[in-house]
C-alpha cells in the first residue's frame, strides 16, 4: 500500500490544496475521477458566464431604444459563442494539467476513488493511505424521478455545454439559479423558452420582491409556470411533450419542446466516495458534516467546497480551501464565516445578495429595513433604470448590517462594499460615512442606508 503525507480528493479547489502540500515538501496524492478544474472550470462558472456575457450584450442592444439608440442585431453566431466557451474551458484544463505534471512530490490519479477503510482509499484497484486527507469532491445535478425522463436525452448544466445546434424550443425544469441563468441565455439566443418551477416563486432563496421583479422581467421573453410540477415527459416524433400539473388546481397542461433541460438542484458526491467506510458523518442530504473549522467527524480529515452543501459558490470554496490548509498545518485555527458569503445570479436583470433576508433576520433580531430604486440616484436615472432596486436589513440596536440585496444592472459590482463591511463586523456608518464618487452606481448603497426605518 502506497502511503502519503497528504491525500486530496477532487481537483477543483482541491488542486490548490495539493499544490500547497507538495510545495511544502509533503508527499502528496491528488485524485480526480473526471476533468481537472472541478465544477467551476468545466461545467459551472467559467463556461456559463462565457455564454451569458454575450446574452447580456444582446439584451442591452434590444433595450437601447429607451436611451434613444435604435439598433438591430443582424446575426447571433451560436456556433462561435459555444466554441469560444469550449476553448476557454480547454485552455483552463490544459493549464492546470501542465501545472500538476510539473509539480514535484505530487502523484496524480485520474481515477475514481472510494474509501475502503480508515484513511485508506481504493483508487480503481490501487490502495493508498494518507496521514491527512482533504475532501473536495463537489456535487452533481439532481435528476428528479419524473416519469419518462430516463428514456430521453435530456440536458443538464453539464451536457448543455456540448450542444452543437441552437434548439428552437426548450423547457427548463427548475427555477433556481442555474435554471434562470440558462433561461436568460437561450431566450437571448432566440430559443422559445418555457421555465417550469415546482415552488411558488423563482430563485426562492432571494427576497420575495426580488423574485417577483425577476419573474416580471423574464416573462417578457419566455413563458414561466410556478407552483407547477412536471408529471411526465413523452416523445412525439422529433419533439418532447412535457405534461405538467398546477399544484393548487390540479389542472394539467402539455408543453411541446425540442429539448428538455433539468436544473432541479444539486446533490452530494459523498456517496460515490463511500465516506461512511471511513466513519465520516454526513447529513440527511448526504453532504459531509464539518465543524466551524471545517473538520469532519474523523481526526485529520477535512472537507471543503460543494462537498459541504453550504454556500455552493466558487469564492466560498476558495476561502474554505485556504482555511482547511491553514487549520491542518498552521498555528491557531480559523473559522469559516458562512454568513458573509455573497452570491450573484447572472440572470437579466442581475441579482446580488449577502447575508440574511428580511424574513430570516426577523426571527432573531429587531431590525430596520431600507430600500431604494436605482432611479433614486443620478446614475440610475441616467441609465433609465426604472425597476431595479437595493434593500438593506440592519440590526436596530447595533446598526450592524445583517443583509443586503440588489436586483439590477451591475449588481455584482455594487455588492462588494457591503460584503467588506459585513466581513469586518462594521455598522451602517462604515458605508454611509465615506465619500462616494458622484455620479456613480455605488451611491445606491448609502441611499438605501439613509432610508432605514
Protein backbone atom coordinates (compact mmCIF):
# COMPACT_ATOMS: atom_id res chain seq x y z
CA UNK A 1 0.00 0.00 0.00
CA UNK A 2 1.43 3.37 -1.01
CA UNK A 3 1.50 5.90 1.82
CA UNK A 4 1.18 9.66 1.55
CA UNK A 5 1.51 12.57 3.93
CA UNK A 6 -1.45 14.24 2.20
CA UNK A 7 -4.26 12.92 0.01
CA UNK A 8 -6.57 15.38 -1.73
CA UNK A 9 -9.74 14.06 -3.36
CA UNK A 10 -11.07 16.38 -6.06
CA UNK A 11 -9.03 18.52 -8.45
CA UNK A 12 -11.22 21.62 -8.37
CA UNK A 13 -10.49 23.61 -5.23
CA UNK A 14 -8.58 20.55 -4.11
CA UNK A 15 -5.87 21.20 -6.69
CA UNK A 16 -4.82 24.34 -4.82
CA UNK A 17 -4.51 22.36 -1.58
CA UNK A 18 -2.44 19.71 -3.35
CA UNK A 19 -0.07 22.33 -4.76
CA UNK A 20 0.45 23.84 -1.30
CA UNK A 21 1.08 20.41 0.22
CA UNK A 22 3.58 19.38 -2.45
CA UNK A 23 5.38 22.72 -2.36
CA UNK A 24 5.65 22.37 1.43
CA UNK A 25 7.56 19.10 0.98
CA UNK A 26 4.72 16.71 1.77
CA UNK A 27 4.41 13.53 -0.27
CA UNK A 28 1.03 14.24 -1.87
CA UNK A 29 -1.61 12.41 -3.90
CA UNK A 30 -4.28 14.25 -5.89
CA UNK A 31 -7.26 12.19 -7.05
CA UNK A 32 -9.81 13.25 -9.67
CA UNK A 33 -12.25 10.93 -11.43
CA UNK A 34 -13.12 13.43 -14.17
CA UNK A 35 -11.55 16.52 -15.69
CA UNK A 36 -9.25 18.64 -13.56
CA UNK A 37 -10.64 22.02 -12.59
CA UNK A 38 -13.83 20.90 -10.88
CA UNK A 39 -17.35 22.17 -11.48
CA UNK A 40 -16.39 25.83 -11.85
CA UNK A 41 -13.96 25.41 -14.73
CA UNK A 42 -15.65 22.56 -16.56
CA UNK A 43 -19.43 22.89 -16.21
CA UNK A 44 -20.09 25.85 -13.91
CA UNK A 45 -18.95 29.44 -13.58
CA UNK A 46 -16.42 29.70 -16.41
CA UNK A 47 -18.45 28.19 -19.27
CA UNK A 48 -21.85 29.53 -18.19
CA UNK A 49 -20.63 33.09 -17.70
CA UNK A 50 -18.75 32.97 -21.02
CA UNK A 51 -22.15 32.22 -22.58
CA UNK A 52 -24.11 34.73 -20.54
CA UNK A 53 -21.83 37.68 -21.30
CA UNK A 54 -22.92 37.85 -24.98
CA UNK A 55 -26.52 37.26 -23.89
CA UNK A 56 -26.27 40.38 -21.73
CA UNK A 57 -24.95 42.38 -24.70
CA UNK A 58 -27.89 41.22 -26.81
CA UNK A 59 -30.34 42.45 -24.19
CA UNK A 60 -28.56 45.79 -23.87
CA UNK A 61 -28.85 46.30 -27.62
CA UNK A 62 -32.53 45.39 -27.57
CA UNK A 63 -33.20 47.80 -24.70
CA UNK A 64 -31.10 50.67 -26.08
CA UNK A 65 -34.16 52.35 -27.60
CA UNK A 66 -35.10 53.64 -24.13
CA UNK A 67 -31.95 55.79 -24.36
CA UNK A 68 -32.74 56.99 -27.88
CA UNK A 69 -30.43 54.48 -29.56
CA UNK A 70 -32.19 52.31 -32.10
CA UNK A 71 -30.02 49.38 -33.13
CA UNK A 72 -30.67 45.98 -34.65
CA UNK A 73 -28.94 42.62 -34.32
CA UNK A 74 -28.12 41.22 -37.75
CA UNK A 75 -26.84 37.81 -36.62
CA UNK A 76 -26.26 35.78 -33.47
CA UNK A 77 -23.49 33.26 -34.16
CA UNK A 78 -24.40 30.42 -31.78
CA UNK A 79 -21.59 28.19 -33.07
CA UNK A 80 -19.00 30.90 -32.39
CA UNK A 81 -20.36 31.58 -28.91
CA UNK A 82 -20.34 27.89 -27.98
CA UNK A 83 -16.88 27.28 -29.49
CA UNK A 84 -15.44 30.27 -27.63
CA UNK A 85 -16.82 28.85 -24.39
CA UNK A 86 -15.37 25.40 -25.04
CA UNK A 87 -11.96 26.83 -25.94
CA UNK A 88 -11.93 28.74 -22.66
CA UNK A 89 -12.62 25.54 -20.73
CA UNK A 90 -9.97 23.58 -22.66
CA UNK A 91 -7.35 26.28 -22.10
CA UNK A 92 -8.02 26.26 -18.36
CA UNK A 93 -7.88 22.47 -18.19
CA UNK A 94 -4.62 22.24 -20.11
CA UNK A 95 -3.00 24.91 -17.94
CA UNK A 96 -3.95 23.01 -14.78
CA UNK A 97 -2.87 19.63 -16.19
CA UNK A 98 0.53 21.08 -17.05
CA UNK A 99 0.93 22.56 -13.57
CA UNK A 100 0.06 19.23 -11.95
CA UNK A 101 2.50 17.35 -14.15
CA UNK A 102 5.34 19.76 -13.37
CA UNK A 103 4.85 19.73 -9.57
CA UNK A 104 7.32 17.67 -7.56
CA UNK A 105 6.11 15.47 -4.67
CA UNK A 106 2.70 15.20 -6.35
CA UNK A 107 1.19 11.97 -7.72
CA UNK A 108 -1.93 12.43 -9.81
CA UNK A 109 -4.57 9.71 -10.02
CA UNK A 110 -7.09 10.43 -12.77
CA UNK A 111 -9.42 7.73 -11.49
CA UNK A 112 -12.40 7.21 -9.21
CA UNK A 113 -11.70 6.68 -5.52
CA UNK A 114 -13.67 5.13 -2.68
CA UNK A 115 -12.87 4.84 0.98
CA UNK A 116 -12.04 1.23 1.83
CA UNK A 117 -11.16 1.78 5.49
CA UNK A 118 -9.98 4.45 7.93
CA UNK A 119 -7.62 6.75 5.98
CA UNK A 120 -7.42 4.18 3.18
CA UNK A 121 -8.71 4.76 -0.35
CA UNK A 122 -9.24 2.30 -3.15
CA UNK A 123 -8.32 4.10 -6.38
CA UNK A 124 -9.58 1.81 -9.12
CA UNK A 125 -7.79 -1.17 -7.62
CA UNK A 126 -4.80 0.59 -6.04
CA UNK A 127 -4.90 1.16 -2.30
CA UNK A 128 -3.32 4.27 -0.83
CA UNK A 129 -3.18 5.59 2.72
CA UNK A 130 -2.97 9.22 3.87
CA UNK A 131 -1.96 10.85 7.14
CA UNK A 132 -4.04 13.92 6.32
CA UNK A 133 -6.95 13.77 3.90
CA UNK A 134 -8.82 16.67 2.26
CA UNK A 135 -12.19 16.02 0.60
CA UNK A 136 -13.23 18.40 -2.17
CA UNK A 137 -15.44 16.10 -4.22
CA UNK A 138 -18.13 18.61 -5.14
CA UNK A 139 -21.69 17.84 -6.24
CA UNK A 140 -23.68 16.77 -9.28
CA UNK A 141 -27.11 17.58 -10.73
CA UNK A 142 -30.25 16.25 -9.06
CA UNK A 143 -32.25 14.15 -11.52
CA UNK A 144 -35.87 14.09 -10.27
CA UNK A 145 -37.96 10.91 -10.61
CA UNK A 146 -40.15 12.15 -13.45
CA UNK A 147 -41.95 9.52 -15.49
CA UNK A 148 -40.29 9.13 -18.89
CA UNK A 149 -37.25 11.28 -18.06
CA UNK A 150 -34.88 8.31 -18.06
CA UNK A 151 -36.00 7.43 -21.57
CA UNK A 152 -34.90 10.68 -23.24
CA UNK A 153 -31.66 12.56 -23.86
CA UNK A 154 -32.27 15.49 -21.53
CA UNK A 155 -29.81 18.30 -20.86
CA UNK A 156 -28.17 19.32 -17.57
CA UNK A 157 -25.73 22.12 -16.76
CA UNK A 158 -23.06 19.65 -17.92
CA UNK A 159 -24.42 18.26 -21.19
CA UNK A 160 -25.89 21.59 -22.32
CA UNK A 161 -22.35 22.78 -22.98
CA UNK A 162 -21.98 20.16 -25.72
CA UNK A 163 -24.88 21.48 -27.81
CA UNK A 164 -23.95 21.93 -31.46
CA UNK A 165 -27.24 23.42 -32.61
CA UNK A 166 -29.44 26.09 -31.05
CA UNK A 167 -32.74 24.48 -30.02
CA UNK A 168 -35.83 26.13 -31.46
CA UNK A 169 -37.67 25.47 -28.20
CA UNK A 170 -36.62 24.43 -24.72
CA UNK A 171 -38.31 23.51 -21.44
CA UNK A 172 -36.21 24.13 -18.35
CA UNK A 173 -37.26 22.17 -15.27
CA UNK A 174 -36.25 24.23 -12.24
CA UNK A 175 -36.34 27.95 -11.49
CA UNK A 176 -33.29 28.23 -9.27
CA UNK A 177 -30.01 29.94 -10.09
CA UNK A 178 -28.99 27.56 -12.89
CA UNK A 179 -32.46 27.49 -14.40
CA UNK A 180 -32.95 31.26 -14.64
CA UNK A 181 -29.42 31.87 -15.92
CA UNK A 182 -29.79 29.41 -18.79
CA UNK A 183 -33.33 30.64 -19.46
CA UNK A 184 -31.83 34.11 -19.95
CA UNK A 185 -29.09 32.77 -22.21
CA UNK A 186 -31.27 30.69 -24.52
CA UNK A 187 -34.00 33.31 -24.76
CA UNK A 188 -31.38 35.87 -25.79
CA UNK A 189 -30.06 33.44 -28.42
CA UNK A 190 -33.57 33.15 -29.90
CA UNK A 191 -34.87 29.93 -28.39
CA UNK A 192 -38.52 29.76 -27.32
CA UNK A 193 -38.10 29.05 -23.59
CA UNK A 194 -40.59 27.68 -21.07
CA UNK A 195 -39.49 27.60 -17.43
CA UNK A 196 -41.29 25.27 -15.01
CA UNK A 197 -40.74 25.62 -11.26
CA UNK A 198 -42.42 23.46 -8.62
CA UNK A 199 -42.15 26.15 -5.93
CA UNK A 200 -44.27 29.26 -5.65
CA UNK A 201 -41.57 31.57 -6.99
CA UNK A 202 -38.30 31.70 -8.88
CA UNK A 203 -34.95 31.83 -7.02
CA UNK A 204 -36.79 31.15 -3.78
CA UNK A 205 -33.78 31.94 -1.55
CA UNK A 206 -33.94 35.58 -2.59
CA UNK A 207 -36.16 38.33 -1.18
CA UNK A 208 -39.76 37.86 -2.42
CA UNK A 209 -39.79 41.25 -4.16
CA UNK A 210 -36.58 40.34 -5.99
CA UNK A 211 -38.09 37.04 -7.13
CA UNK A 212 -41.18 38.94 -8.23
CA UNK A 213 -39.30 41.52 -10.29
CA UNK A 214 -37.14 38.85 -11.91
CA UNK A 215 -40.25 36.96 -13.00
CA UNK A 216 -41.85 40.12 -14.34
CA UNK A 217 -38.76 40.86 -16.45
CA UNK A 218 -38.23 37.30 -17.68
CA UNK A 219 -41.88 36.85 -18.62
CA UNK A 220 -41.41 39.47 -21.34
CA UNK A 221 -39.11 36.96 -23.04
CA UNK A 222 -40.41 33.49 -22.09
CA UNK A 223 -43.26 31.51 -20.54
CA UNK A 224 -42.98 30.80 -16.80
CA UNK A 225 -45.02 28.35 -14.76
CA UNK A 226 -44.55 28.34 -10.97
CA UNK A 227 -46.22 26.07 -8.40
CA UNK A 228 -46.26 23.57 -11.24
CA UNK A 229 -44.93 20.05 -11.16
CA UNK A 230 -43.64 18.12 -14.17
CA UNK A 231 -45.53 14.82 -14.12
CA UNK A 232 -44.36 13.08 -17.26
CA UNK A 233 -42.27 13.54 -20.38
CA UNK A 234 -43.25 11.86 -23.63
CA UNK A 235 -41.67 11.75 -27.05
CA UNK A 236 -43.69 12.93 -30.06
CA UNK A 237 -41.68 12.43 -33.27
CA UNK A 238 -38.87 14.98 -33.14
CA UNK A 239 -40.29 16.83 -30.13
CA UNK A 240 -40.92 16.18 -26.47
CA UNK A 241 -44.19 16.68 -24.67
CA UNK A 242 -43.95 17.79 -21.05
CA UNK A 243 -47.04 17.02 -19.01
CA UNK A 244 -47.23 19.43 -16.07
CA UNK A 245 -49.78 19.92 -13.33
CA UNK A 246 -50.64 23.03 -11.35
CA UNK A 247 -50.28 22.23 -7.67
CA UNK A 248 -53.23 24.28 -6.49
CA UNK A 249 -55.86 23.43 -9.09
CA UNK A 250 -54.53 20.10 -10.31
CA UNK A 251 -55.08 21.32 -13.86
CA UNK A 252 -52.78 19.66 -16.36
CA UNK A 253 -51.12 21.23 -19.38
CA UNK A 254 -48.90 19.99 -22.19
CA UNK A 255 -45.79 21.86 -23.25
CA UNK A 256 -44.05 20.97 -26.52
CA UNK A 257 -40.31 21.49 -26.98
CA UNK A 258 -37.34 20.23 -28.97
CA UNK A 259 -35.11 19.97 -25.89
CA UNK A 260 -35.56 19.46 -22.14
CA UNK A 261 -33.10 20.80 -19.56
CA UNK A 262 -33.12 19.64 -15.94
CA UNK A 263 -31.97 22.27 -13.42
CA UNK A 264 -33.56 20.87 -10.27
CA UNK A 265 -30.71 21.44 -7.83
CA UNK A 266 -27.54 19.68 -6.74
CA UNK A 267 -26.74 16.54 -4.77
CA UNK A 268 -23.67 15.37 -2.88
CA UNK A 269 -20.92 13.22 -4.38
CA UNK A 270 -20.10 11.76 -0.94
CA UNK A 271 -21.99 8.57 -1.80
CA UNK A 272 -19.62 7.92 -4.71
CA UNK A 273 -16.68 8.34 -2.33
CA UNK A 274 -18.25 5.93 0.21
CA UNK A 275 -17.28 8.19 3.12
CA UNK A 276 -19.14 6.06 5.66
CA UNK A 277 -16.49 3.36 5.28
CA UNK A 278 -14.09 5.82 6.91
CA UNK A 279 -16.52 6.83 9.64
CA UNK A 280 -17.13 10.26 8.13
CA UNK A 281 -20.56 11.58 9.06
CA UNK A 282 -22.97 13.08 6.51
CA UNK A 283 -26.23 14.98 6.89
CA UNK A 284 -29.63 13.74 5.73
CA UNK A 285 -28.93 15.03 2.20
CA UNK A 286 -25.61 13.21 2.00
CA UNK A 287 -23.37 16.25 2.42
CA UNK A 288 -20.31 15.89 4.65
CA UNK A 289 -20.69 17.29 8.15
CA UNK A 290 -17.97 19.65 9.37
CA UNK A 291 -17.46 21.89 12.38
CA UNK A 292 -16.69 25.63 12.28
CA UNK A 293 -13.07 24.78 11.42
CA UNK A 294 -14.15 22.51 8.51
CA UNK A 295 -13.04 19.35 10.30
CA UNK A 296 -15.04 16.20 9.60
CA UNK A 297 -16.03 13.70 12.28
CA UNK A 298 -12.68 11.92 11.77
CA UNK A 299 -9.38 13.33 13.00
CA UNK A 300 -7.07 14.68 10.28
CA UNK A 301 -9.80 14.63 7.62
CA UNK A 302 -11.16 17.97 6.38
CA UNK A 303 -13.73 18.86 3.73
CA UNK A 304 -14.45 21.97 1.64
CA UNK A 305 -16.42 23.27 -1.32
CA UNK A 306 -19.68 21.81 -2.59
CA UNK A 307 -18.97 18.63 -0.61
CA UNK A 308 -20.37 20.53 2.40
CA UNK A 309 -23.63 21.61 0.74
CA UNK A 310 -23.48 25.00 2.46
CA UNK A 311 -22.59 28.04 0.33
CA UNK A 312 -22.05 26.32 -3.01
CA UNK A 313 -20.11 29.05 -4.78
CA UNK A 314 -16.54 29.06 -6.07
CA UNK A 315 -15.44 32.02 -3.97
CA UNK A 316 -16.71 30.26 -0.84
CA UNK A 317 -14.83 27.11 -1.81
CA UNK A 318 -11.66 29.19 -2.39
CA UNK A 319 -11.86 30.51 1.16
CA UNK A 320 -12.69 27.11 2.60
CA UNK A 321 -9.67 25.56 0.87
CA UNK A 322 -7.48 28.27 2.38
CA UNK A 323 -8.94 27.59 5.83
CA UNK A 324 -8.62 23.79 5.78
CA UNK A 325 -4.96 24.00 4.76
CA UNK A 326 -4.23 26.54 7.48
CA UNK A 327 -6.06 24.51 10.11
CA UNK A 328 -4.24 21.34 9.09
CA UNK A 329 -0.75 22.82 9.09
CA UNK A 330 -0.67 26.30 10.65
CA UNK A 331 -0.71 27.72 14.15
CA UNK A 332 -4.03 28.85 15.54
CA UNK A 333 -7.32 27.85 13.98
CA UNK A 334 -9.53 29.75 11.53
CA UNK A 335 -13.31 29.54 11.35
CA UNK A 336 -15.29 29.77 8.12
CA UNK A 337 -17.73 32.69 8.11
CA UNK A 338 -20.65 31.47 6.03
CA UNK A 339 -22.77 34.49 6.98
CA UNK A 340 -20.87 36.94 4.80
CA UNK A 341 -20.56 34.83 1.64
CA UNK A 342 -22.05 36.86 -1.23
CA UNK A 343 -23.64 35.34 -4.29
CA UNK A 344 -24.65 36.57 -7.71
CA UNK A 345 -27.36 35.29 -10.05
CA UNK A 346 -26.30 36.12 -13.60
CA UNK A 347 -29.84 36.48 -14.88
CA UNK A 348 -31.09 39.58 -16.66
CA UNK A 349 -31.61 41.62 -14.54
CA UNK A 350 -28.67 40.57 -12.41
CA UNK A 351 -29.09 39.71 -8.71
CA UNK A 352 -26.51 40.04 -5.91
CA UNK A 353 -27.08 39.25 -2.24
CA UNK A 354 -25.22 38.76 1.01
CA UNK A 355 -26.41 37.82 4.48
CA UNK A 356 -29.94 37.43 5.82
CA UNK A 357 -33.21 38.18 4.11
CA UNK A 358 -35.76 40.30 5.96
CA UNK A 359 -37.88 37.31 7.00
CA UNK A 360 -34.85 35.34 8.25
CA UNK A 361 -33.49 38.32 10.21
CA UNK A 362 -36.83 38.92 11.96
CA UNK A 363 -36.57 35.52 13.65
CA UNK A 364 -33.59 36.57 15.79
CA UNK A 365 -33.29 40.37 15.61
CA UNK A 366 -35.18 43.61 15.93
CA UNK A 367 -34.48 45.13 12.54
CA UNK A 368 -34.57 48.19 10.32
CA UNK A 369 -35.17 47.86 6.58
CA UNK A 370 -34.16 50.30 3.87
CA UNK A 371 -34.95 50.24 0.18
CA UNK A 372 -34.09 52.47 -2.78
CA UNK A 373 -34.59 52.31 -6.53
CA UNK A 374 -31.73 52.73 -8.98
CA UNK A 375 -33.67 55.72 -10.27
CA UNK A 376 -33.34 57.37 -6.84
CA UNK A 377 -29.69 58.11 -7.66
CA UNK A 378 -28.46 60.15 -10.60
CA UNK A 379 -26.60 57.35 -12.39
CA UNK A 380 -29.60 55.04 -12.20
CA UNK A 381 -31.77 57.78 -13.62
CA UNK A 382 -29.35 58.48 -16.48
CA UNK A 383 -29.44 54.76 -17.31
CA UNK A 384 -33.25 54.92 -17.46
CA UNK A 385 -33.32 52.05 -14.97
CA UNK A 386 -36.83 52.27 -13.56
CA UNK A 387 -37.39 49.00 -11.70
CA UNK A 388 -34.05 47.83 -10.26
CA UNK A 389 -33.56 48.35 -6.53
CA UNK A 390 -31.49 47.52 -3.46
CA UNK A 391 -32.62 46.52 0.02
CA UNK A 392 -30.78 46.58 3.34
CA UNK A 393 -31.55 44.64 6.51
CA UNK A 394 -29.94 46.11 9.65
CA UNK A 395 -29.99 45.23 13.35
CA UNK A 396 -31.80 48.10 15.09
CA UNK A 397 -29.78 48.37 18.31
CA UNK A 398 -26.25 47.98 16.91
CA UNK A 399 -26.88 49.18 13.33
CA UNK A 400 -24.92 46.16 12.20
CA UNK A 401 -25.64 45.16 8.59
CA UNK A 402 -27.35 41.76 8.52
CA UNK A 403 -28.13 41.53 4.82
CA UNK A 404 -28.09 43.43 1.54
CA UNK A 405 -29.90 42.51 -1.68
CA UNK A 406 -29.77 44.04 -5.17
CA UNK A 407 -31.52 43.42 -8.48
CA UNK A 408 -30.47 45.50 -11.46
CA UNK A 409 -27.52 46.41 -13.71
CA UNK A 410 -24.03 45.65 -12.35
CA UNK A 411 -25.43 44.30 -9.09
CA UNK A 412 -22.35 42.08 -8.76
CA UNK A 413 -20.09 45.17 -8.80
CA UNK A 414 -22.10 47.15 -6.26
CA UNK A 415 -22.42 44.45 -3.57
CA UNK A 416 -18.73 44.19 -2.64
CA UNK A 417 -18.61 47.32 -0.48
CA UNK A 418 -21.30 45.89 1.75
CA UNK A 419 -19.62 42.45 1.84
CA UNK A 420 -16.43 44.09 3.13
CA UNK A 421 -18.34 45.99 5.83
CA UNK A 422 -20.16 42.86 6.99
CA UNK A 423 -17.00 40.72 7.00
CA UNK A 424 -15.36 43.33 9.26
CA UNK A 425 -18.43 43.45 11.51
CA UNK A 426 -18.95 47.14 10.79
CA UNK A 427 -22.05 49.27 11.14
CA UNK A 428 -24.15 51.21 8.64
CA UNK A 429 -21.93 54.25 9.17
CA UNK A 430 -18.97 52.43 7.63
CA UNK A 431 -20.66 52.69 4.24
CA UNK A 432 -22.56 55.96 4.68
CA UNK A 433 -19.60 57.89 6.14
CA UNK A 434 -17.00 57.59 3.34
CA UNK A 435 -17.43 59.71 0.22
CA UNK A 436 -18.79 58.03 -2.88
CA UNK A 437 -17.82 59.47 -6.24
CA UNK A 438 -20.68 61.32 -7.93
CA UNK A 439 -22.46 60.28 -10.05
CA UNK A 440 -21.83 56.50 -9.74
CA UNK A 441 -23.84 53.37 -9.07
CA UNK A 442 -22.23 52.67 -5.66
CA UNK A 443 -24.14 55.72 -4.39
CA UNK A 444 -27.06 53.30 -4.25
CA UNK A 445 -25.62 51.84 -1.03
CA UNK A 446 -25.73 54.96 1.18
CA UNK A 447 -29.05 55.87 -0.46
CA UNK A 448 -30.54 52.63 0.81
CA UNK A 449 -29.00 53.03 4.25
CA UNK A 450 -30.36 56.56 4.61
CA UNK A 451 -33.88 55.16 4.14
CA UNK A 452 -33.78 52.70 7.06
CA UNK A 453 -36.93 52.58 9.12
